[in-house]
Amino acid sequence: MAANLFTFIELYRRIVHTGGHVLAKGAAFAESQGVSSDAMLDWRLIDDMQPLRFQISVLCNFTRQYAARVAGIAVPADVDVNMDLAGFQAALAATDDWLAALTPEQFAGRDDVPLTVTIGNGMEPTLPSGRWLTVFATTNLYFHLTTAYDILRSRGAPLGKIDMFMPDGL
C-alpha cells in the first residue's frame, strides 16, 4: 500500500478508537472501585501533568485540527475539556465520524504546502503540511493516548498492550 497523507486519517481513526476503548475500560474499572467517572477523568499520572480528561480531549482536537489544516479546510471547534464521561464518549464518536468523512482528494498534492501553526508559548513554526501531519501531530497523538493509558494503568485499570494495539481487532 502506498503511503500518502490520507493514509494517516485511518491511523488517526485507530487512535480515536483506541482512546475510546481505553476510556471505556477505565470507566468500568473506576465504577467497580466505587470511583465516579468525574473523579476518574481528573486522575493524573503525576501532579504536574494534565488529567485524563485533557488527554482524551487532545485525541479529539488534534486529530481534527491537524487533518483539517493539512487538507486546507475549516478547523472544527475544540472539544471542551470539562465534559463528563458521556460527553467524551460522544466526542470520540463524533471525531471518528468527522475523520471518516474526509477524502483522499482533500490531501492530494498538499505534502509540501507550507503550514504555520501557533503552538506552546507563541512559537509559530512553518513546516510542510506533510511533516506536520506525519511527524508533529502523530507523535503528539501517540503521546496523549499513551498518557491516558498510563494514567489508568497507574490506578490499577486492567489494561495491557493488546488494548493499545488491537482494541477492535486488526
Protein backbone atom coordinates (compact mmCIF):
# COMPACT_ATOMS: atom_id res chain seq x y z
CA MET A 1 0.00 0.00 0.00
CA ALA A 2 1.39 3.38 -0.97
CA ALA A 3 1.62 5.89 1.86
CA ASN A 4 0.16 9.32 1.35
CA LEU A 5 -1.20 11.94 3.70
CA PHE A 6 -4.70 10.46 3.59
CA THR A 7 -3.23 7.19 4.90
CA PHE A 8 -2.81 8.96 8.24
CA ILE A 9 -6.54 9.54 8.54
CA GLU A 10 -7.13 5.80 9.04
CA LEU A 11 -4.29 5.79 11.58
CA TYR A 12 -5.95 8.71 13.39
CA ARG A 13 -9.26 6.85 13.42
CA ARG A 14 -7.50 3.89 15.07
CA ILE A 15 -6.04 6.25 17.69
CA VAL A 16 -9.55 7.62 18.38
CA HIS A 17 -10.98 4.06 18.61
CA THR A 18 -8.18 3.05 20.98
CA GLY A 19 -8.81 6.14 23.12
CA GLY A 20 -12.48 5.20 23.36
CA HIS A 21 -11.63 1.62 24.26
CA VAL A 22 -9.12 2.63 26.94
CA LEU A 23 -11.58 5.18 28.35
CA ALA A 24 -14.40 2.59 28.50
CA LYS A 25 -12.18 0.05 30.29
CA GLY A 26 -11.02 2.74 32.69
CA ALA A 27 -14.60 3.80 33.41
CA ALA A 28 -15.67 0.20 34.09
CA PHE A 29 -12.70 -0.22 36.44
CA ALA A 30 -13.43 3.06 38.25
CA GLU A 31 -17.06 2.06 38.72
CA SER A 32 -16.01 -1.33 40.10
CA GLN A 33 -13.88 0.53 42.64
CA GLY A 34 -16.68 2.91 43.64
CA VAL A 35 -14.99 5.87 41.92
CA SER A 36 -17.18 8.28 39.97
CA SER A 37 -16.45 8.83 36.31
CA ASP A 38 -15.90 12.54 37.03
CA ALA A 39 -13.25 11.68 39.61
CA MET A 40 -11.66 9.23 37.14
CA LEU A 41 -11.48 11.94 34.46
CA ASP A 42 -9.47 14.04 36.92
CA TRP A 43 -6.88 11.31 37.56
CA ARG A 44 -3.32 12.32 36.70
CA LEU A 45 -0.14 10.36 36.23
CA ILE A 46 1.72 12.88 38.37
CA ASP A 47 0.58 16.15 39.95
CA ASP A 48 2.15 18.50 37.42
CA MET A 49 0.74 16.65 34.37
CA GLN A 50 -2.64 17.19 32.74
CA PRO A 51 -5.52 14.87 33.81
CA LEU A 52 -7.18 12.10 31.84
CA ARG A 53 -9.92 14.45 30.57
CA PHE A 54 -7.24 16.61 28.93
CA GLN A 55 -5.61 13.61 27.27
CA ILE A 56 -8.94 12.49 25.75
CA SER A 57 -9.83 15.99 24.58
CA VAL A 58 -6.47 16.22 22.79
CA LEU A 59 -7.21 12.98 20.92
CA CYS A 60 -10.39 14.56 19.58
CA ASN A 61 -8.97 18.02 18.95
CA PHE A 62 -5.59 17.20 17.41
CA THR A 63 -6.89 14.52 15.04
CA ARG A 64 -9.38 17.02 13.63
CA GLN A 65 -7.26 20.19 13.81
CA TYR A 66 -4.21 18.84 12.03
CA ALA A 67 -6.17 16.87 9.46
CA ALA A 68 -8.24 19.98 8.67
CA ARG A 69 -5.20 22.27 8.42
CA VAL A 70 -3.36 19.90 6.11
CA ALA A 71 -6.45 19.36 3.94
CA GLY A 72 -6.97 23.12 3.75
CA ILE A 73 -10.46 23.04 5.26
CA ALA A 74 -12.01 24.83 8.25
CA VAL A 75 -10.68 23.71 11.61
CA PRO A 76 -13.52 22.34 13.78
CA ALA A 77 -14.24 23.88 17.16
CA ASP A 78 -12.38 22.34 20.09
CA VAL A 79 -13.92 19.64 22.23
CA ASP A 80 -14.49 21.00 25.75
CA VAL A 81 -12.06 19.58 28.28
CA ASN A 82 -14.69 19.83 31.05
CA MET A 83 -17.21 17.31 29.72
CA ASP A 84 -18.47 14.28 31.58
CA LEU A 85 -17.79 10.68 30.55
CA ALA A 86 -20.80 10.52 28.21
CA GLY A 87 -19.70 13.78 26.61
CA PHE A 88 -16.22 12.41 25.92
CA GLN A 89 -17.63 9.17 24.54
CA ALA A 90 -19.88 11.18 22.21
CA ALA A 91 -16.98 13.46 21.23
CA LEU A 92 -14.81 10.47 20.33
CA ALA A 93 -17.63 9.03 18.18
CA ALA A 94 -18.20 12.41 16.50
CA THR A 95 -14.47 12.73 15.86
CA ASP A 96 -14.43 9.32 14.20
CA ASP A 97 -17.40 10.33 12.03
CA TRP A 98 -15.68 13.59 11.09
CA LEU A 99 -12.49 11.76 10.11
CA ALA A 100 -14.47 9.14 8.16
CA ALA A 101 -15.98 11.90 6.00
CA LEU A 102 -12.57 13.08 4.74
CA THR A 103 -11.49 12.05 1.24
CA PRO A 104 -8.13 11.30 -0.38
CA GLU A 105 -8.69 14.17 -2.80
CA GLN A 106 -8.58 16.68 0.07
CA PHE A 107 -4.98 15.67 0.80
CA ALA A 108 -3.68 15.12 -2.74
CA GLY A 109 -0.73 17.34 -3.60
CA ARG A 110 -0.65 19.01 -0.17
CA ASP A 111 2.52 17.37 1.21
CA ASP A 112 4.74 20.41 0.65
CA VAL A 113 2.20 23.19 1.26
CA PRO A 114 3.74 25.44 3.96
CA LEU A 115 1.74 25.46 7.16
CA THR A 116 2.35 27.82 10.08
CA VAL A 117 0.78 26.87 13.39
CA THR A 118 0.99 28.64 16.75
CA ILE A 119 1.99 26.17 19.45
CA GLY A 120 3.04 26.45 23.06
CA ASN A 121 4.07 29.87 24.25
CA GLY A 122 3.70 31.68 20.96
CA MET A 123 6.02 29.57 18.82
CA GLU A 124 4.96 29.71 15.17
CA PRO A 125 6.99 27.23 13.17
CA THR A 126 6.33 26.81 9.47
CA LEU A 127 6.72 23.28 8.16
CA PRO A 128 5.50 21.43 5.08
CA SER A 129 1.97 20.14 5.72
CA GLY A 130 3.12 16.55 5.33
CA ARG A 131 5.66 16.98 8.11
CA TRP A 132 3.05 18.47 10.44
CA LEU A 133 0.73 15.52 9.91
CA THR A 134 3.21 12.65 9.76
CA VAL A 135 5.62 13.78 12.46
CA PHE A 136 4.35 16.52 14.77
CA ALA A 137 0.66 15.62 15.05
CA THR A 138 1.16 11.86 15.01
CA THR A 139 3.85 11.99 17.72
CA ASN A 140 1.62 14.20 19.86
CA LEU A 141 -1.38 11.93 19.42
CA TYR A 142 0.56 8.84 20.49
CA PHE A 143 1.96 10.75 23.47
CA HIS A 144 -1.52 11.71 24.71
CA LEU A 145 -3.01 8.26 24.01
CA THR A 146 -0.15 6.62 25.91
CA THR A 147 -0.52 9.10 28.75
CA ALA A 148 -4.25 8.29 29.03
CA TYR A 149 -3.38 4.58 29.12
CA ASP A 150 -0.66 5.18 31.71
CA ILE A 151 -2.95 7.24 33.95
CA LEU A 152 -5.47 4.42 34.03
CA ARG A 153 -2.84 1.68 34.45
CA SER A 154 -1.26 3.59 37.32
CA ARG A 155 -4.62 3.42 39.13
CA GLY A 156 -4.95 -0.32 38.53
CA ALA A 157 -7.21 -0.47 35.47
CA PRO A 158 -6.87 -3.87 33.80
CA LEU A 159 -5.24 -2.66 30.60
CA GLY A 160 -2.47 -4.35 28.66
CA LYS A 161 -0.54 -3.94 25.45
CA ILE A 162 -3.33 -5.64 23.49
CA ASP A 163 -5.65 -2.77 24.46
CA MET A 164 -3.32 -0.31 22.73
CA PHE A 165 -2.70 -2.32 19.58
CA MET A 166 -5.88 -4.26 18.92
CA PRO A 167 -8.82 -2.67 20.76
CA ASP A 168 -11.22 -3.67 17.99
CA GLY A 169 -9.15 -6.21 16.06
CA LEU A 170 -6.68 -5.65 13.26
